Amino acid sequence: MKEIKCTIIQDVLPLYVDEVVSPDTKEMVDEHLLHCEKCQKEYDAMKQELYIPAENKAFQFKEISKKWRKKKVIISITSVFITALILLGTYLSVFYFETVIPYSEDLIKIESQNDHQLVSRYYGKSRAGVHGTFPMGLEIDGEKKIVSFIYYTKTMADSPSRNLIGDEKRLGQEDTFVLPESGNNDAVYYVEFDSEEMIPGGKDSWDSVLERAVLIWEK
């Protein structure tokens, strides 16, 4: 049999590997590979190459699509959760985060009623809350006095400069607060305080609160 050139064999090797050659061609290649080490190595290399069948490709694309959809769902849920947290934080900061209203003689006045009970009158546009203490005995300038502390708070929704809920109190419309058991008070001070910090071992004391307080009424 006439010897077949390697170039011809190598041209048909891809078809031979895929088993789409005629019986005569297959026989020819089989015979050549038995005696040609170079073409045999080429054939072995082709057989080792990874080919993904069409059905496997479709399966892989389906899996990729499934994973992508799952990832999109996770991203969507995460986005909704983060948005909800931001909205909740904004809502809490607007309606529940309170800051102290600075004292002003035009805003807050302490008056004594007929029964000597003290009343605080607030003339600001709006407020969120008012905090007051029961009378307590403190030493002031070497003298024992009965005093009370008070302060007003606002939120972004309830503030002298902004109204988001449509029920602000207009300037000049007084808002009264009766100081508890203040009939024997010697003085009233305006200052922010935290009663929980005054417990034994706490971080604050009424003496230190007094040092930063503003005297707004005195007998």
Protein backbone atom coordinates (compact mmCIF):
# COMPACT_ATOMS: atom_id res chain seq x y z
CA MET A 1 0.00 0.00 0.00
CA LYS A 2 1.26 3.45 -0.86
CA GLU A 3 2.39 5.34 2.24
CA ILE A 4 0.05 8.16 3.20
CA LYS A 5 1.60 11.48 4.15
CA CYS A 6 1.21 12.63 7.77
CA THR A 7 -0.23 15.95 6.62
CA ILE A 8 -3.17 14.15 5.02
CA ILE A 9 -3.75 11.98 8.11
CA GLN A 10 -3.63 15.02 10.40
CA ASP A 11 -6.16 16.82 8.19
CA VAL A 12 -8.71 14.04 8.71
CA LEU A 13 -7.86 13.31 12.36
CA PRO A 14 -10.60 15.65 13.72
CA LEU A 15 -13.21 13.78 11.67
CA TYR A 16 -11.64 10.48 12.70
CA VAL A 17 -11.87 11.45 16.39
CA ASP A 18 -15.54 12.40 15.96
CA GLU A 19 -16.09 9.09 14.13
CA VAL A 20 -17.64 10.70 11.07
CA VAL A 21 -15.25 9.31 8.45
CA SER A 22 -16.01 6.58 5.92
CA PRO A 23 -14.95 2.99 6.64
CA ASP A 24 -12.16 3.22 4.04
CA THR A 25 -10.78 6.41 5.58
CA LYS A 26 -10.99 4.92 9.04
CA GLU A 27 -9.07 1.88 7.90
CA MET A 28 -6.46 4.11 6.31
CA VAL A 29 -5.98 6.16 9.48
CA ASP A 30 -5.91 3.05 11.66
CA GLU A 31 -3.17 1.61 9.57
CA HIS A 32 -1.15 4.83 9.61
CA LEU A 33 -1.42 5.28 13.37
CA LEU A 34 0.00 1.82 13.93
CA HIS A 35 3.28 2.83 12.34
CA CYS A 36 3.46 6.63 12.87
CA GLU A 37 4.33 7.76 16.39
CA LYS A 38 3.96 11.45 15.50
CA CYS A 39 0.37 11.11 14.28
CA GLN A 40 -0.45 8.79 17.17
CA LYS A 41 0.59 11.53 19.63
CA GLU A 42 -1.53 14.06 17.71
CA TYR A 43 -4.47 11.68 17.88
CA ASP A 44 -4.03 11.11 21.65
CA ALA A 45 -3.88 14.88 22.23
CA MET A 46 -7.15 15.40 20.34
CA LYS A 47 -8.88 12.68 22.32
CA GLN A 48 -7.82 14.31 25.60
CA GLU A 49 -9.33 17.69 24.73
CA LEU A 50 -12.54 18.38 26.63
CA TYR A 51 -15.63 18.77 24.56
CA ILE A 52 -18.90 19.78 26.22
CA PRO A 53 -21.85 18.01 24.60
CA ALA A 54 -24.70 20.24 23.51
CA GLU A 55 -27.02 18.86 26.19
CA ASN A 56 -24.39 19.55 28.88
CA LYS A 57 -23.97 23.10 27.62
CA ALA A 58 -27.70 23.63 27.86
CA PHE A 59 -27.64 22.23 31.40
CA GLN A 60 -24.79 24.53 32.39
CA PHE A 61 -26.54 27.59 30.96
CA LYS A 62 -29.67 26.57 32.85
CA GLU A 63 -27.72 26.29 36.09
CA ILE A 64 -26.06 29.67 35.51
CA SER A 65 -29.44 31.25 34.84
CA LYS A 66 -30.87 29.66 37.97
CA LYS A 67 -27.99 30.91 40.12
CA TRP A 68 -28.31 34.42 38.62
CA ARG A 69 -32.04 34.53 39.37
CA LYS A 70 -31.34 33.41 42.92
CA LYS A 71 -28.66 36.07 43.28
CA LYS A 72 -31.05 38.73 41.97
CA VAL A 73 -33.68 37.67 44.53
CA ILE A 74 -31.12 37.90 47.34
CA ILE A 75 -29.97 41.32 46.13
CA SER A 76 -33.59 42.51 45.91
CA ILE A 77 -34.42 41.27 49.43
CA THR A 78 -31.24 42.84 50.81
CA SER A 79 -32.04 46.16 49.10
CA VAL A 80 -35.58 46.14 50.51
CA PHE A 81 -34.24 45.36 54.00
CA ILE A 82 -31.64 48.13 53.85
CA THR A 83 -34.21 50.60 52.52
CA ALA A 84 -36.58 49.64 55.35
CA LEU A 85 -33.82 50.23 57.91
CA ILE A 86 -33.03 53.63 56.41
CA LEU A 87 -36.72 54.62 56.43
CA LEU A 88 -37.10 53.38 60.01
CA GLY A 89 -34.01 55.28 61.09
CA THR A 90 -35.28 58.43 59.38
CA TYR A 91 -38.71 58.04 60.99
CA LEU A 92 -37.24 57.53 64.46
CA SER A 93 -34.89 60.49 64.07
CA VAL A 94 -37.75 62.72 62.91
CA PHE A 95 -40.39 61.71 65.45
CA TYR A 96 -38.55 60.19 68.43
CA PHE A 97 -35.00 61.53 68.62
CA GLU A 98 -35.31 64.42 71.08
CA THR A 99 -32.95 67.35 71.55
CA VAL A 100 -33.04 69.98 74.25
CA ILE A 101 -34.67 73.32 73.50
CA PRO A 102 -32.25 76.06 74.60
CA TYR A 103 -33.59 78.24 77.40
CA SER A 104 -34.92 81.67 76.53
CA GLU A 105 -36.91 84.11 78.65
CA ASP A 106 -39.28 84.57 75.72
CA LEU A 107 -39.99 80.83 75.54
CA ILE A 108 -40.18 79.67 79.16
CA LYS A 109 -41.54 81.43 82.21
CA ILE A 110 -42.05 80.10 85.75
CA GLU A 111 -45.01 81.50 87.68
CA SER A 112 -46.50 80.82 91.12
CA GLN A 113 -50.21 80.01 91.38
CA ASN A 114 -52.49 80.97 94.28
CA ASP A 115 -51.66 77.73 96.10
CA HIS A 116 -47.94 78.56 95.67
CA GLN A 117 -47.60 75.68 93.22
CA LEU A 118 -45.15 76.56 90.44
CA VAL A 119 -46.21 76.41 86.79
CA SER A 120 -43.94 76.49 83.74
CA ARG A 121 -45.42 78.23 80.70
CA TYR A 122 -43.92 77.45 77.31
CA TYR A 123 -44.53 79.91 74.44
CA GLY A 124 -42.64 78.20 71.64
CA LYS A 125 -44.19 77.00 68.39
CA SER A 126 -44.10 73.35 69.39
CA ARG A 127 -42.34 70.84 71.60
CA ALA A 128 -41.94 67.09 71.97
CA GLY A 129 -41.80 66.81 75.77
CA VAL A 130 -41.05 68.41 79.11
CA HIS A 131 -38.99 66.89 81.91
CA GLY A 132 -39.09 68.00 85.52
CA THR A 133 -37.88 66.72 88.88
CA PHE A 134 -39.48 66.61 92.30
CA PRO A 135 -38.05 69.19 94.70
CA MET A 136 -34.73 68.21 96.29
CA GLY A 137 -32.42 69.71 98.87
CA LEU A 138 -29.05 70.96 97.61
CA GLU A 139 -26.40 73.13 99.18
CA ILE A 140 -26.00 76.34 97.18
CA ASP A 141 -23.43 78.94 98.25
CA GLY A 142 -23.26 77.31 101.68
CA GLU A 143 -27.03 77.39 102.15
CA LYS A 144 -29.49 74.50 101.99
CA LYS A 145 -32.18 75.16 99.36
CA ILE A 146 -35.10 73.27 97.85
CA VAL A 147 -34.81 73.26 94.07
CA SER A 148 -36.31 71.63 90.98
CA PHE A 149 -34.86 71.07 87.52
CA ILE A 150 -36.75 71.30 84.25
CA TYR A 151 -36.09 71.22 80.51
CA TYR A 152 -38.07 71.01 77.27
CA THR A 153 -37.29 68.86 74.22
CA LYS A 154 -38.09 68.90 70.54
CA THR A 155 -37.85 66.53 67.58
CA MET A 156 -37.56 67.35 63.88
CA ALA A 157 -41.32 66.86 63.68
CA ASP A 158 -41.96 69.01 66.76
CA SER A 159 -39.57 71.95 66.75
CA PRO A 160 -39.76 75.74 66.82
CA SER A 161 -38.36 75.87 63.28
CA ARG A 162 -40.13 72.98 61.57
CA ASN A 163 -43.49 71.28 61.55
CA LEU A 164 -43.94 67.97 59.72
CA ILE A 165 -47.17 66.71 61.26
CA GLY A 166 -49.37 69.79 60.98
CA ASP A 167 -50.25 70.38 64.66
CA GLU A 168 -47.63 72.88 65.82
CA LYS A 169 -48.47 75.33 68.57
CA ARG A 170 -48.30 78.92 67.39
CA LEU A 171 -46.04 81.47 69.04
CA GLY A 172 -47.93 83.14 71.88
CA GLN A 173 -50.15 80.15 72.62
CA GLU A 174 -48.97 79.06 76.07
CA ASP A 175 -48.35 75.48 77.07
CA THR A 176 -48.43 74.92 80.83
CA PHE A 177 -46.66 72.33 82.97
CA VAL A 178 -47.18 72.09 86.73
CA LEU A 179 -43.92 71.37 88.52
CA PRO A 180 -44.57 68.46 90.92
CA GLU A 181 -44.84 69.33 94.64
CA SER A 182 -43.10 72.65 94.10
CA GLY A 183 -45.01 74.66 96.73
CA ASN A 184 -41.94 74.97 98.97
CA ASN A 185 -39.36 75.50 96.22
CA ASP A 186 -36.66 78.11 96.65
CA ALA A 187 -35.51 77.96 93.01
CA VAL A 188 -36.03 76.35 89.62
CA TYR A 189 -33.18 75.60 87.24
CA TYR A 190 -33.20 74.83 83.50
CA VAL A 191 -30.83 72.07 82.46
CA GLU A 192 -30.78 68.70 80.73
CA PHE A 193 -30.43 65.75 83.10
CA ASP A 194 -30.71 61.98 83.13
CA SER A 195 -32.23 60.63 86.32
CA GLU A 196 -30.78 57.17 85.67
CA GLU A 197 -27.28 58.63 85.88
CA MET A 198 -27.97 59.90 89.43
CA ILE A 199 -28.24 56.45 91.01
CA PRO A 200 -25.43 55.35 93.35
CA GLY A 201 -22.40 54.61 91.23
CA GLY A 202 -23.85 56.57 88.30
CA LYS A 203 -21.88 58.84 86.01
CA ASP A 204 -23.50 62.09 87.15
CA SER A 205 -24.72 63.86 90.29
CA TRP A 206 -27.24 66.60 91.04
CA ASP A 207 -24.41 68.84 92.22
CA SER A 208 -22.72 68.62 88.80
CA VAL A 209 -26.11 69.17 87.10
CA LEU A 210 -26.54 72.29 89.20
CA GLU A 211 -23.15 73.63 88.07
CA ARG A 212 -24.24 73.71 84.41
CA ALA A 213 -27.85 74.75 85.07
CA VAL A 214 -29.47 78.13 84.40
CA LEU A 215 -31.45 79.75 87.22
CA ILE A 216 -34.86 80.65 85.78
CA TRP A 217 -36.88 81.27 88.96
CA GLU A 218 -36.08 82.11 92.56
CA LYS A 219 -38.29 82.82 95.57
